[in-house]
Amino acid sequence: KEGDEVITCSNSFIASASTIALAGARPVFVDIREDLNMDPDKLEAAITPRTKAIMPVHLTGRMAPMVQIMEIARKHGLFVLEDAAQAILAKLDGRPAGSWGDAASFSLHPLKNLHGFGDGGMMTTNTKKVFDHMIQARNHGLKGRNECDFWSFNCRLDELQAAMLRVQLRKLQQYTDEKRRLAFRYHELLNPYVKVPVEGPGEYCVYQTYVIQADRRDELEKYLNENGVEARVHYPFPLHRQKAAAYLEYTDEDLPVTARMSNRILSLPLFIGMTEIQQNRVGELIAKFYSN
């Protein structure tokens, strides 16, 4: 609520910060590591008496360093909400996204690995109190048909979307295996020219997006697009640079790795049904760009 603080990262989609602000709290940004996830070494310094929660973001389908984050959260008695929007089936040390914190949120947007044909989302929690609250919160705060315990929204998942998602769910591991196969193939094609997202010890990445780090990133993006390859940046403007976040008064000097990575990251096409011929074309263009 108003006066509270929630710690998260700036290199994410708008919703990671807007949900905090719309609840009346203040988003507090900490810097990231080279793998684009929250730097636990910077986390403790951001905690104040007003801190109520930590929201790590499992960006690109790669798990944040949850072992260290949970140790710090337990030490300070803080709630942990995993922003797992991009990370369904991702794992760290054998434990899946959504099973580490007190709760987790997942996106079912059409661009996600588990996707509906409209929009939606889901949550997991290990706490009955949170579960009971969310069951009511998704349905106007109603208890039964006619009694409302607290003001809330209509957040029910559409039945048609739910039916289609149940079909997708049965194929999710198959789709994930295919994206991982393609990602590893990208590693081999691109490694001499750009920095590829190699998994660390205990990591199982689901490659929601395949994000490289590249010198002359803007030139490379333009070159690929001009040659028929749709490359995009997720996300070109970190949250602390957004007009909506101006009142938070963050600068690039406060988040130097976040700022530097925003000028180096580039997402390459990676999708179910992508052919090796298409992938070879991406590799050939990147090789040609840097050879020239």
Foldseek 3Di string as FASTA:
>chain_A
DAQAEEEEAQLADPVVQVVQVVVNYHYDHAAPDPLRWHDLVRPVVRDDPRYAEYETECPQQWDHPLVSVVVSCVVVVHFYEYACQAHAPKWFLRHGPQPRTQKYKYWQDCLHLQHFPHTAIDMHGPDVVVVVQVVCQCCQCDDPDPRHPDGHDNRDDDPVRVVVSVVSVVCSVVFQVQLVVLLVVLCVLPVVAWAWNDDDPRTDGSRSWGKTFHDVVVVLCVQCVVVPWHKDASPLATNCRDPVNVVVPDDCVNHVVSVVRSVTIMTGDGGPPDDVVNSVVSSVSSVVVVVD
